[in-house]
């Protein structure tokens, strides 16, 4: 086992965060360390805080780097300073509660990184009312044999439908093989209805791009060459990596906001902890205007009701 490196202190706004063993290698393929991870999140500070602000957040921690096990952490790790913030969420299925991280400032992010967090997975609701989502997430999830040019093409179809609805979509890479599009919504519906609306939208995209898209619920029944529009990411307690979150893969890719003009030529592997800081310094947060573009789900709820009248049932989670 490599010797531990001396702890450092990082000034983050008005806070000082102690980072232990900063030279521990987290990403063996590139040699990127815990210090590199801290510096990355500092470089996109406003962006990551805006993506996480006021949301219950699950942490994907790698206490021994990517070479070790991943820990899915719902509860704030032990030993947190008194300035860390949380929100209590309930899990009725298990009759449990958890005080999850609730980011309101960059020091919260950096302390989580000190606790070996690589990925941040926020809810699509905020702590003012965690049961009422204010974010609709369109997850363009390619099946194993789906080429990425198909993902790009389906993203274009999704934008056409959004434009017709009068909704503003905010695309980003997933940090993996797909793309995400977020829409800020009026928090007027609960998770079940947001999921219904997301399914109605997915079915409309499927109608327009049936050769490329599937909404088939059971994975084993899906065409492996198609793209699944994963509406279930809007179900309660389902989370995906936030904008600017690093992903726990050897390349240290980042789920990165992009413009619609970039979608036709985007290559997700281009966005890593080594490349995104310069991009962010030049472009700023491409999702910064999301809170000013609020969409009502009412038209999609009407689509869902139409589909249900026509016998298209909603799959159970």
C-alpha atoms as a PDB file:
ATOM      1  CA  UNK A   1       0.000   0.000   0.000  1.00  0.00           C
ATOM      2  CA  UNK A   2       1.323   3.437  -0.956  1.00  0.00           C
ATOM      3  CA  UNK A   3       2.325   5.735   1.884  1.00  0.00           C
ATOM      4  CA  UNK A   4      -0.204   8.401   2.804  1.00  0.00           C
ATOM      5  CA  UNK A   5       0.517  11.953   1.688  1.00  0.00           C
ATOM      6  CA  UNK A   6       0.235  14.819   4.184  1.00  0.00           C
ATOM      7  CA  UNK A   7      -3.182  16.446   4.500  1.00  0.00           C
ATOM      8  CA  UNK A   8      -3.765  19.845   2.927  1.00  0.00           C
ATOM      9  CA  UNK A   9      -6.183  22.648   3.759  1.00  0.00           C
ATOM     10  CA  UNK A  10      -8.330  24.069   0.968  1.00  0.00           C
ATOM     11  CA  UNK A  11      -9.936  27.489   1.245  1.00  0.00           C
ATOM     12  CA  UNK A  12     -13.455  27.340  -0.183  1.00  0.00           C
ATOM     13  CA  UNK A  13     -15.249  30.646   0.199  1.00  0.00           C
ATOM     14  CA  UNK A  14     -15.394  31.305   3.943  1.00  0.00           C
ATOM     15  CA  UNK A  15     -14.693  27.666   4.811  1.00  0.00           C
ATOM     16  CA  UNK A  16     -11.505  25.716   5.242  1.00  0.00           C
ATOM     17  CA  UNK A  17     -11.764  22.059   4.222  1.00  0.00           C
ATOM     18  CA  UNK A  18      -9.080  19.628   5.325  1.00  0.00           C
ATOM     19  CA  UNK A  19      -8.296  17.097   2.596  1.00  0.00           C
ATOM     20  CA  UNK A  20      -6.502  13.997   3.807  1.00  0.00           C
ATOM     21  CA  UNK A  21      -4.174  11.941   1.627  1.00  0.00           C
ATOM     22  CA  UNK A  22      -4.531  14.267  -1.387  1.00  0.00           C
ATOM     23  CA  UNK A  23      -2.077  12.300  -3.534  1.00  0.00           C
ATOM     24  CA  UNK A  24      -4.026   9.042  -3.347  1.00  0.00           C
ATOM     25  CA  UNK A  25      -4.595   7.912  -6.936  1.00  0.00           C
ATOM     26  CA  UNK A  26      -8.311   7.697  -7.669  1.00  0.00           C
ATOM     27  CA  UNK A  27      -8.114   7.031 -11.410  1.00  0.00           C
ATOM     28  CA  UNK A  28      -5.272   4.527 -12.018  1.00  0.00           C
ATOM     29  CA  UNK A  29      -5.407   4.762 -15.811  1.00  0.00           C
ATOM     30  CA  UNK A  30      -4.572   8.480 -15.867  1.00  0.00           C
ATOM     31  CA  UNK A  31      -2.935   8.781 -12.461  1.00  0.00           C
ATOM     32  CA  UNK A  32      -5.473  11.408 -11.392  1.00  0.00           C
ATOM     33  CA  UNK A  33      -5.521  11.893  -7.638  1.00  0.00           C
ATOM     34  CA  UNK A  34      -7.871  13.068  -4.934  1.00  0.00           C
ATOM     35  CA  UNK A  35      -6.200  16.489  -5.225  1.00  0.00           C
ATOM     36  CA  UNK A  36      -7.007  16.515  -8.955  1.00  0.00           C
ATOM     37  CA  UNK A  37     -10.625  15.722  -8.141  1.00  0.00           C
ATOM     38  CA  UNK A  38     -10.787  18.569  -5.608  1.00  0.00           C
ATOM     39  CA  UNK A  39      -9.226  20.985  -8.111  1.00  0.00           C
ATOM     40  CA  UNK A  40     -11.671  19.900 -10.797  1.00  0.00           C
ATOM     41  CA  UNK A  41     -14.724  20.601  -8.622  1.00  0.00           C
ATOM     42  CA  UNK A  42     -13.260  23.950  -7.558  1.00  0.00           C
ATOM     43  CA  UNK A  43     -12.882  24.865 -11.237  1.00  0.00           C
ATOM     44  CA  UNK A  44     -16.595  24.320 -11.969  1.00  0.00           C
ATOM     45  CA  UNK A  45     -17.790  25.602  -8.609  1.00  0.00           C
ATOM     46  CA  UNK A  46     -20.839  27.656  -9.579  1.00  0.00           C
ATOM     47  CA  UNK A  47     -21.917  25.012 -12.075  1.00  0.00           C
ATOM     48  CA  UNK A  48     -21.857  22.053  -9.704  1.00  0.00           C
ATOM     49  CA  UNK A  49     -23.539  24.056  -6.935  1.00  0.00           C
ATOM     50  CA  UNK A  50     -26.293  25.202  -9.309  1.00  0.00           C
ATOM     51  CA  UNK A  51     -26.851  21.593 -10.395  1.00  0.00           C
ATOM     52  CA  UNK A  52     -27.117  20.322  -6.815  1.00  0.00           C
ATOM     53  CA  UNK A  53     -28.580  23.308  -5.001  1.00  0.00           C
ATOM     54  CA  UNK A  54     -31.196  22.433  -2.362  1.00  0.00           C
ATOM     55  CA  UNK A  55     -31.602  18.852  -3.668  1.00  0.00           C
ATOM     56  CA  UNK A  56     -31.296  15.646  -1.665  1.00  0.00           C
ATOM     57  CA  UNK A  57     -28.121  14.101  -3.018  1.00  0.00           C
ATOM     58  CA  UNK A  58     -26.857  10.540  -3.039  1.00  0.00           C
ATOM     59  CA  UNK A  59     -23.085  10.161  -3.102  1.00  0.00           C
ATOM     60  CA  UNK A  60     -21.086   7.572  -5.013  1.00  0.00           C
ATOM     61  CA  UNK A  61     -17.946   7.165  -2.917  1.00  0.00           C
ATOM     62  CA  UNK A  62     -14.741   5.308  -3.717  1.00  0.00           C
ATOM     63  CA  UNK A  63     -12.781   5.129  -0.439  1.00  0.00           C
ATOM     64  CA  UNK A  64      -9.884   3.328  -2.148  1.00  0.00           C
ATOM     65  CA  UNK A  65     -10.203   4.972  -5.543  1.00  0.00           C
ATOM     66  CA  UNK A  66     -11.682   3.247  -8.571  1.00  0.00           C
ATOM     67  CA  UNK A  67      -9.559   0.188  -7.858  1.00  0.00           C
ATOM     68  CA  UNK A  68     -11.685  -0.453  -4.768  1.00  0.00           C
ATOM     69  CA  UNK A  69     -15.377  -0.843  -4.066  1.00  0.00           C
ATOM     70  CA  UNK A  70     -18.014   1.783  -4.764  1.00  0.00           C
ATOM     71  CA  UNK A  71     -20.273   2.863  -1.888  1.00  0.00           C
ATOM     72  CA  UNK A  72     -23.747   4.228  -2.645  1.00  0.00           C
ATOM     73  CA  UNK A  73     -24.261   6.631   0.248  1.00  0.00           C
ATOM     74  CA  UNK A  74     -27.680   8.084   0.924  1.00  0.00           C
ATOM     75  CA  UNK A  75     -26.924   9.374   4.415  1.00  0.00           C
ATOM     76  CA  UNK A  76     -24.427  12.133   5.024  1.00  0.00           C
ATOM     77  CA  UNK A  77     -21.172  10.415   6.064  1.00  0.00           C
ATOM     78  CA  UNK A  78     -20.238  10.472   9.730  1.00  0.00           C
ATOM     79  CA  UNK A  79     -17.932  13.186  10.997  1.00  0.00           C
ATOM     80  CA  UNK A  80     -19.479  16.035   9.044  1.00  0.00           C
ATOM     81  CA  UNK A  81     -18.780  19.567  10.306  1.00  0.00           C
ATOM     82  CA  UNK A  82     -21.723  21.491  11.695  1.00  0.00           C
ATOM     83  CA  UNK A  83     -21.908  23.714   8.602  1.00  0.00           C
ATOM     84  CA  UNK A  84     -22.864  20.835   6.321  1.00  0.00           C
ATOM     85  CA  UNK A  85     -26.548  20.852   5.355  1.00  0.00           C
ATOM     86  CA  UNK A  86     -28.970  17.969   4.945  1.00  0.00           C
ATOM     87  CA  UNK A  87     -32.582  17.225   4.127  1.00  0.00           C
ATOM     88  CA  UNK A  88     -34.534  14.314   5.603  1.00  0.00           C
ATOM     89  CA  UNK A  89     -36.122  12.014   3.047  1.00  0.00           C
ATOM     90  CA  UNK A  90     -38.315   8.995   3.654  1.00  0.00           C
ATOM     91  CA  UNK A  91     -38.262   5.589   2.012  1.00  0.00           C
ATOM     92  CA  UNK A  92     -41.745   4.179   2.644  1.00  0.00           C
ATOM     93  CA  UNK A  93     -40.947   0.837   1.044  1.00  0.00           C
ATOM     94  CA  UNK A  94     -38.340   0.200   3.718  1.00  0.00           C
ATOM     95  CA  UNK A  95     -39.927   2.276   6.512  1.00  0.00           C
ATOM     96  CA  UNK A  96     -36.700   4.283   6.828  1.00  0.00           C
ATOM     97  CA  UNK A  97     -35.497   7.855   6.651  1.00  0.00           C
ATOM     98  CA  UNK A  98     -32.145   9.357   5.726  1.00  0.00           C
ATOM     99  CA  UNK A  99     -30.537  12.763   6.173  1.00  0.00           C
ATOM    100  CA  UNK A 100     -29.074  13.301   2.709  1.00  0.00           C
ATOM    101  CA  UNK A 101     -26.533  15.923   1.706  1.00  0.00           C
ATOM    102  CA  UNK A 102     -28.204  19.151   0.577  1.00  0.00           C
ATOM    103  CA  UNK A 103     -25.676  21.369  -1.185  1.00  0.00           C
ATOM    104  CA  UNK A 104     -26.015  25.124  -0.887  1.00  0.00           C
ATOM    105  CA  UNK A 105     -22.355  26.119  -1.230  1.00  0.00           C
ATOM    106  CA  UNK A 106     -19.172  24.802  -2.825  1.00  0.00           C
ATOM    107  CA  UNK A 107     -17.586  23.832   0.493  1.00  0.00           C
ATOM    108  CA  UNK A 108     -20.262  21.147   0.840  1.00  0.00           C
ATOM    109  CA  UNK A 109     -19.094  19.604  -2.431  1.00  0.00           C
ATOM    110  CA  UNK A 110     -15.426  19.731  -1.489  1.00  0.00           C
ATOM    111  CA  UNK A 111     -16.072  18.158   1.906  1.00  0.00           C
ATOM    112  CA  UNK A 112     -17.929  15.332   0.149  1.00  0.00           C
ATOM    113  CA  UNK A 113     -14.895  14.854  -2.120  1.00  0.00           C
ATOM    114  CA  UNK A 114     -12.725  14.727   1.001  1.00  0.00           C
ATOM    115  CA  UNK A 115     -14.960  11.839   2.036  1.00  0.00           C
ATOM    116  CA  UNK A 116     -14.040  10.064  -1.237  1.00  0.00           C
ATOM    117  CA  UNK A 117     -17.084  11.121  -3.266  1.00  0.00           C
ATOM    118  CA  UNK A 118     -16.549  11.003  -7.025  1.00  0.00           C
ATOM    119  CA  UNK A 119     -20.139  11.184  -8.311  1.00  0.00           C
ATOM    120  CA  UNK A 120     -23.064  13.349  -7.178  1.00  0.00           C
ATOM    121  CA  UNK A 121     -26.579  12.026  -7.864  1.00  0.00           C
ATOM    122  CA  UNK A 122     -29.278  14.545  -6.854  1.00  0.00           C
ATOM    123  CA  UNK A 123     -33.028  14.080  -6.711  1.00  0.00           C
ATOM    124  CA  UNK A 124     -35.144  16.010  -9.210  1.00  0.00           C
ATOM    125  CA  UNK A 125     -36.896  17.818  -6.351  1.00  0.00           C
ATOM    126  CA  UNK A 126     -35.721  20.333  -3.754  1.00  0.00           C
ATOM    127  CA  UNK A 127     -35.882  20.332   0.007  1.00  0.00           C
ATOM    128  CA  UNK A 128     -38.702  22.900   0.165  1.00  0.00           C
ATOM    129  CA  UNK A 129     -40.949  20.002  -0.889  1.00  0.00           C
ATOM    130  CA  UNK A 130     -39.064  16.855  -1.776  1.00  0.00           C
ATOM    131  CA  UNK A 131     -42.269  15.175  -3.012  1.00  0.00           C
ATOM    132  CA  UNK A 132     -42.849  17.711  -5.818  1.00  0.00           C
ATOM    133  CA  UNK A 133     -40.222  17.551  -8.592  1.00  0.00           C
ATOM    134  CA  UNK A 134     -39.146  20.727 -10.362  1.00  0.00           C
ATOM    135  CA  UNK A 135     -36.949  18.951 -12.916  1.00  0.00           C
ATOM    136  CA  UNK A 136     -38.032  16.620 -15.717  1.00  0.00           C
ATOM    137  CA  UNK A 137     -35.191  14.411 -16.914  1.00  0.00           C
ATOM    138  CA  UNK A 138     -35.032  12.931 -20.401  1.00  0.00           C
ATOM    139  CA  UNK A 139     -32.488  10.104 -20.350  1.00  0.00           C
ATOM    140  CA  UNK A 140     -31.438   8.965 -23.829  1.00  0.00           C
ATOM    141  CA  UNK A 141     -29.997   5.587 -22.903  1.00  0.00           C
ATOM    142  CA  UNK A 142     -28.475   3.547 -25.746  1.00  0.00           C
ATOM    143  CA  UNK A 143     -28.791  -0.212 -25.692  1.00  0.00           C
ATOM    144  CA  UNK A 144     -25.535  -2.206 -26.102  1.00  0.00           C
ATOM    145  CA  UNK A 145     -25.534  -2.231 -29.923  1.00  0.00           C
ATOM    146  CA  UNK A 146     -26.858   1.310 -30.405  1.00  0.00           C
ATOM    147  CA  UNK A 147     -24.299   3.557 -32.153  1.00  0.00           C
ATOM    148  CA  UNK A 148     -23.770   7.026 -30.784  1.00  0.00           C
ATOM    149  CA  UNK A 149     -24.859   8.712 -34.003  1.00  0.00           C
ATOM    150  CA  UNK A 150     -28.311   7.279 -33.236  1.00  0.00           C
ATOM    151  CA  UNK A 151     -28.214   8.945 -29.807  1.00  0.00           C
ATOM    152  CA  UNK A 152     -27.417  12.262 -31.462  1.00  0.00           C
ATOM    153  CA  UNK A 153     -30.221  11.794 -33.989  1.00  0.00           C
ATOM    154  CA  UNK A 154     -32.804  10.966 -31.315  1.00  0.00           C
ATOM    155  CA  UNK A 155     -31.720  14.011 -29.324  1.00  0.00           C
ATOM    156  CA  UNK A 156     -32.661  16.083 -32.361  1.00  0.00           C
ATOM    157  CA  UNK A 157     -36.110  14.483 -32.457  1.00  0.00           C
ATOM    158  CA  UNK A 158     -36.538  15.134 -28.739  1.00  0.00           C
ATOM    159  CA  UNK A 159     -35.717  18.796 -29.303  1.00  0.00           C
ATOM    160  CA  UNK A 160     -38.331  19.007 -32.067  1.00  0.00           C
ATOM    161  CA  UNK A 161     -40.995  17.717 -29.689  1.00  0.00           C
ATOM    162  CA  UNK A 162     -39.841  20.040 -26.908  1.00  0.00           C
ATOM    163  CA  UNK A 163     -39.945  23.014 -29.253  1.00  0.00           C
ATOM    164  CA  UNK A 164     -43.501  22.144 -30.282  1.00  0.00           C
ATOM    165  CA  UNK A 165     -44.491  21.955 -26.617  1.00  0.00           C
ATOM    166  CA  UNK A 166     -42.855  25.300 -25.894  1.00  0.00           C
ATOM    167  CA  UNK A 167     -40.403  23.687 -23.458  1.00  0.00           C
ATOM    168  CA  UNK A 168     -36.737  24.593 -23.196  1.00  0.00           C
ATOM    169  CA  UNK A 169     -34.451  21.566 -23.009  1.00  0.00           C
ATOM    170  CA  UNK A 170     -30.957  21.743 -21.527  1.00  0.00           C
ATOM    171  CA  UNK A 171     -28.745  18.944 -22.909  1.00  0.00           C
ATOM    172  CA  UNK A 172     -25.691  17.383 -21.334  1.00  0.00           C
ATOM    173  CA  UNK A 173     -23.573  14.332 -21.833  1.00  0.00           C
ATOM    174  CA  UNK A 174     -24.188  11.553 -19.357  1.00  0.00           C
ATOM    175  CA  UNK A 175     -20.490  10.919 -18.860  1.00  0.00           C
ATOM    176  CA  UNK A 176     -21.203   7.453 -20.211  1.00  0.00           C
ATOM    177  CA  UNK A 177     -22.710   6.394 -23.527  1.00  0.00           C
ATOM    178  CA  UNK A 178     -25.855   8.515 -23.608  1.00  0.00           C
ATOM    179  CA  UNK A 179     -27.206  12.027 -23.413  1.00  0.00           C
ATOM    180  CA  UNK A 180     -29.498  13.709 -20.897  1.00  0.00           C
ATOM    181  CA  UNK A 181     -31.880  16.614 -21.442  1.00  0.00           C
ATOM    182  CA  UNK A 182     -33.264  18.487 -18.453  1.00  0.00           C
ATOM    183  CA  UNK A 183     -36.377  20.657 -18.394  1.00  0.00           C
ATOM    184  CA  UNK A 184     -37.219  22.934 -15.489  1.00  0.00           C
ATOM    185  CA  UNK A 185     -40.861  22.399 -14.554  1.00  0.00           C
ATOM    186  CA  UNK A 186     -43.449  23.965 -12.308  1.00  0.00           C
ATOM    187  CA  UNK A 187     -43.511  21.762  -9.169  1.00  0.00           C
ATOM    188  CA  UNK A 188     -47.247  21.176  -9.486  1.00  0.00           C
ATOM    189  CA  UNK A 189     -47.204  17.385  -9.831  1.00  0.00           C
ATOM    190  CA  UNK A 190     -45.845  14.504  -7.786  1.00  0.00           C
ATOM    191  CA  UNK A 191     -43.381  11.872  -8.955  1.00  0.00           C
ATOM    192  CA  UNK A 192     -46.011   9.517 -10.356  1.00  0.00           C
ATOM    193  CA  UNK A 193     -47.457  12.172 -12.644  1.00  0.00           C
ATOM    194  CA  UNK A 194     -44.035  13.442 -13.719  1.00  0.00           C
ATOM    195  CA  UNK A 195     -43.185   9.863 -14.672  1.00  0.00           C
ATOM    196  CA  UNK A 196     -46.474   9.586 -16.604  1.00  0.00           C
ATOM    197  CA  UNK A 197     -45.659  12.804 -18.445  1.00  0.00           C
ATOM    198  CA  UNK A 198     -42.144  11.596 -19.217  1.00  0.00           C
ATOM    199  CA  UNK A 199     -43.543   8.347 -20.608  1.00  0.00           C
ATOM    200  CA  UNK A 200     -46.006  10.224 -22.822  1.00  0.00           C
ATOM    201  CA  UNK A 201     -43.138  12.303 -24.180  1.00  0.00           C
ATOM    202  CA  UNK A 202     -41.001   9.192 -24.746  1.00  0.00           C
ATOM    203  CA  UNK A 203     -43.823   7.544 -26.685  1.00  0.00           C
ATOM    204  CA  UNK A 204     -44.154  10.590 -28.927  1.00  0.00           C
ATOM    205  CA  UNK A 205     -40.423  10.482 -29.668  1.00  0.00           C
ATOM    206  CA  UNK A 206     -40.803   6.772 -30.420  1.00  0.00           C
ATOM    207  CA  UNK A 207     -43.655   7.469 -32.855  1.00  0.00           C
ATOM    208  CA  UNK A 208     -41.471   9.913 -34.765  1.00  0.00           C
ATOM    209  CA  UNK A 209     -38.321   7.769 -34.718  1.00  0.00           C
ATOM    210  CA  UNK A 210     -39.600   4.221 -34.476  1.00  0.00           C
ATOM    211  CA  UNK A 211     -36.537   2.788 -36.235  1.00  0.00           C
ATOM    212  CA  UNK A 212     -34.273   4.298 -33.597  1.00  0.00           C
ATOM    213  CA  UNK A 213     -36.248   4.385 -30.337  1.00  0.00           C
ATOM    214  CA  UNK A 214     -37.875   1.961 -27.946  1.00  0.00           C
ATOM    215  CA  UNK A 215     -39.971   2.534 -24.838  1.00  0.00           C
ATOM    216  CA  UNK A 216     -40.302  -1.197 -24.133  1.00  0.00           C
ATOM    217  CA  UNK A 217     -40.179  -1.619 -20.377  1.00  0.00           C
ATOM    218  CA  UNK A 218     -38.476  -5.002 -19.973  1.00  0.00           C
ATOM    219  CA  UNK A 219     -34.826  -4.812 -20.927  1.00  0.00           C
ATOM    220  CA  UNK A 220     -34.749  -8.365 -22.277  1.00  0.00           C
ATOM    221  CA  UNK A 221     -37.502  -7.454 -24.743  1.00  0.00           C
ATOM    222  CA  UNK A 222     -35.772  -4.359 -26.160  1.00  0.00           C
ATOM    223  CA  UNK A 223     -34.040  -4.305 -29.518  1.00  0.00           C
ATOM    224  CA  UNK A 224     -30.331  -4.083 -28.553  1.00  0.00           C
ATOM    225  CA  UNK A 225     -29.628  -1.704 -31.437  1.00  0.00           C
ATOM    226  CA  UNK A 226     -32.150   0.925 -30.330  1.00  0.00           C
ATOM    227  CA  UNK A 227     -32.143   3.787 -27.867  1.00  0.00           C
ATOM    228  CA  UNK A 228     -34.316   3.529 -24.761  1.00  0.00           C
ATOM    229  CA  UNK A 229     -35.884   6.793 -23.614  1.00  0.00           C
ATOM    230  CA  UNK A 230     -35.690   6.053 -19.905  1.00  0.00           C
ATOM    231  CA  UNK A 231     -38.709   7.807 -18.449  1.00  0.00           C
ATOM    232  CA  UNK A 232     -38.298   5.901 -15.186  1.00  0.00           C
ATOM    233  CA  UNK A 233     -35.475   8.241 -14.188  1.00  0.00           C
ATOM    234  CA  UNK A 234     -38.305  10.524 -13.070  1.00  0.00           C
ATOM    235  CA  UNK A 235     -39.612   8.045 -10.512  1.00  0.00           C
ATOM    236  CA  UNK A 236     -39.226   8.835  -6.828  1.00  0.00           C
ATOM    237  CA  UNK A 237     -35.707   8.282  -5.439  1.00  0.00           C
ATOM    238  CA  UNK A 238     -34.269   7.576  -8.889  1.00  0.00           C
ATOM    239  CA  UNK A 239     -31.207   9.666  -9.530  1.00  0.00           C
ATOM    240  CA  UNK A 240     -28.674  10.242 -12.290  1.00  0.00           C
ATOM    241  CA  UNK A 241     -25.327  11.996 -12.267  1.00  0.00           C
ATOM    242  CA  UNK A 242     -25.682  15.757 -12.066  1.00  0.00           C
ATOM    243  CA  UNK A 243     -24.312  18.269 -14.507  1.00  0.00           C
ATOM    244  CA  UNK A 244     -20.559  18.629 -13.862  1.00  0.00           C
ATOM    245  CA  UNK A 245     -20.407  15.382 -11.900  1.00  0.00           C
ATOM    246  CA  UNK A 246     -17.332  13.279 -12.569  1.00  0.00           C
ATOM    247  CA  UNK A 247     -18.114   9.668 -13.391  1.00  0.00           C
ATOM    248  CA  UNK A 248     -16.456   6.704 -11.754  1.00  0.00           C
ATOM    249  CA  UNK A 249     -14.791   5.288 -14.845  1.00  0.00           C
ATOM    250  CA  UNK A 250     -11.126   4.982 -15.814  1.00  0.00           C
ATOM    251  CA  UNK A 251     -11.287   7.956 -18.180  1.00  0.00           C
ATOM    252  CA  UNK A 252     -12.664  10.289 -15.461  1.00  0.00           C
ATOM    253  CA  UNK A 253     -15.351  11.573 -17.810  1.00  0.00           C
ATOM    254  CA  UNK A 254     -17.701  14.362 -16.762  1.00  0.00           C
ATOM    255  CA  UNK A 255     -21.437  14.742 -17.319  1.00  0.00           C
ATOM    256  CA  UNK A 256     -21.114  18.016 -19.179  1.00  0.00           C
ATOM    257  CA  UNK A 257     -23.660  20.631 -20.290  1.00  0.00           C
ATOM    258  CA  UNK A 258     -23.534  21.237 -24.028  1.00  0.00           C
ATOM    259  CA  UNK A 259     -25.391  23.483 -26.445  1.00  0.00           C
ATOM    260  CA  UNK A 260     -27.897  22.121 -28.944  1.00  0.00           C
ATOM    261  CA  UNK A 261     -25.527  23.236 -31.704  1.00  0.00           C
ATOM    262  CA  UNK A 262     -22.934  20.834 -30.311  1.00  0.00           C
ATOM    263  CA  UNK A 263     -25.221  17.798 -30.231  1.00  0.00           C
ATOM    264  CA  UNK A 264     -24.749  16.679 -33.885  1.00  0.00           C
ATOM    265  CA  UNK A 265     -20.995  16.307 -33.421  1.00  0.00           C
ATOM    266  CA  UNK A 266     -20.564  15.722 -29.705  1.00  0.00           C
ATOM    267  CA  UNK A 267     -18.173  13.020 -28.508  1.00  0.00           C
ATOM    268  CA  UNK A 268     -18.753  12.274 -24.814  1.00  0.00           C
ATOM    269  CA  UNK A 269     -15.216  11.024 -24.298  1.00  0.00           C
ATOM    270  CA  UNK A 270     -13.929  14.535 -24.976  1.00  0.00           C
ATOM    271  CA  UNK A 271     -15.219  15.771 -21.604  1.00  0.00           C
ATOM    272  CA  UNK A 272     -13.030  14.769 -18.654  1.00  0.00           C
ATOM    273  CA  UNK A 273     -11.673  16.318 -15.463  1.00  0.00           C
ATOM    274  CA  UNK A 274      -8.682  17.383 -17.565  1.00  0.00           C
ATOM    275  CA  UNK A 275     -10.609  19.138 -20.364  1.00  0.00           C
ATOM    276  CA  UNK A 276     -13.775  20.515 -18.757  1.00  0.00           C
ATOM    277  CA  UNK A 277     -12.072  23.171 -16.556  1.00  0.00           C
ATOM    278  CA  UNK A 278     -10.767  25.092 -19.600  1.00  0.00           C
ATOM    279  CA  UNK A 279     -14.109  24.697 -21.337  1.00  0.00           C
ATOM    280  CA  UNK A 280     -15.907  26.000 -18.265  1.00  0.00           C
ATOM    281  CA  UNK A 281     -13.533  28.953 -17.968  1.00  0.00           C
ATOM    282  CA  UNK A 282     -14.389  29.920 -21.559  1.00  0.00           C
ATOM    283  CA  UNK A 283     -18.116  29.157 -21.687  1.00  0.00           C
ATOM    284  CA  UNK A 284     -19.301  29.321 -18.090  1.00  0.00           C
ATOM    285  CA  UNK A 285     -22.287  27.271 -16.971  1.00  0.00           C
ATOM    286  CA  UNK A 286     -24.398  26.441 -20.019  1.00  0.00           C
ATOM    287  CA  UNK A 287     -27.258  25.441 -17.693  1.00  0.00           C
ATOM    288  CA  UNK A 288     -27.226  28.753 -15.804  1.00  0.00           C
ATOM    289  CA  UNK A 289     -30.518  29.960 -17.279  1.00  0.00           C
ATOM    290  CA  UNK A 290     -32.564  26.869 -16.492  1.00  0.00           C
ATOM    291  CA  UNK A 291     -34.461  28.347 -13.544  1.00  0.00           C
ATOM    292  CA  UNK A 292     -35.767  31.101 -15.821  1.00  0.00           C
ATOM    293  CA  UNK A 293     -37.364  28.666 -18.295  1.00  0.00           C
ATOM    294  CA  UNK A 294     -40.114  26.941 -16.317  1.00  0.00           C
ATOM    295  CA  UNK A 295     -42.491  24.646 -18.207  1.00  0.00           C
ATOM    296  CA  UNK A 296     -45.926  23.383 -17.166  1.00  0.00           C
ATOM    297  CA  UNK A 297     -46.425  19.644 -17.596  1.00  0.00           C
ATOM    298  CA  UNK A 298     -50.145  20.103 -18.278  1.00  0.00           C
ATOM    299  CA  UNK A 299     -49.895  19.299 -22.035  1.00  0.00           C
ATOM    300  CA  UNK A 300     -47.942  16.119 -21.328  1.00  0.00           C
ATOM    301  CA  UNK A 301     -50.417  15.036 -18.664  1.00  0.00           C
ATOM    302  CA  UNK A 302     -53.095  15.389 -21.353  1.00  0.00           C
ATOM    303  CA  UNK A 303     -50.971  13.232 -23.686  1.00  0.00           C
ATOM    304  CA  UNK A 304     -50.647  10.637 -20.922  1.00  0.00           C
ATOM    305  CA  UNK A 305     -54.408  10.580 -20.390  1.00  0.00           C
ATOM    306  CA  UNK A 306     -54.949  10.187 -24.155  1.00  0.00           C
ATOM    307  CA  UNK A 307     -52.504   7.274 -24.297  1.00  0.00           C
ATOM    308  CA  UNK A 308     -54.178   5.613 -21.332  1.00  0.00           C
ATOM    309  CA  UNK A 309     -57.628   5.968 -22.931  1.00  0.00           C
ATOM    310  CA  UNK A 310     -56.203   4.283 -26.022  1.00  0.00           C
ATOM    311  CA  UNK A 311     -55.054   1.326 -23.939  1.00  0.00           C
ATOM    312  CA  UNK A 312     -51.368   2.167 -23.476  1.00  0.00           C
ATOM    313  CA  UNK A 313     -50.846   1.251 -19.867  1.00  0.00           C
ATOM    314  CA  UNK A 314     -48.154   2.688 -17.632  1.00  0.00           C
ATOM    315  CA  UNK A 315     -45.566   0.060 -16.645  1.00  0.00           C
ATOM    316  CA  UNK A 316     -45.004  -0.357 -12.932  1.00  0.00           C
ATOM    317  CA  UNK A 317     -41.621   0.611 -11.510  1.00  0.00           C
END
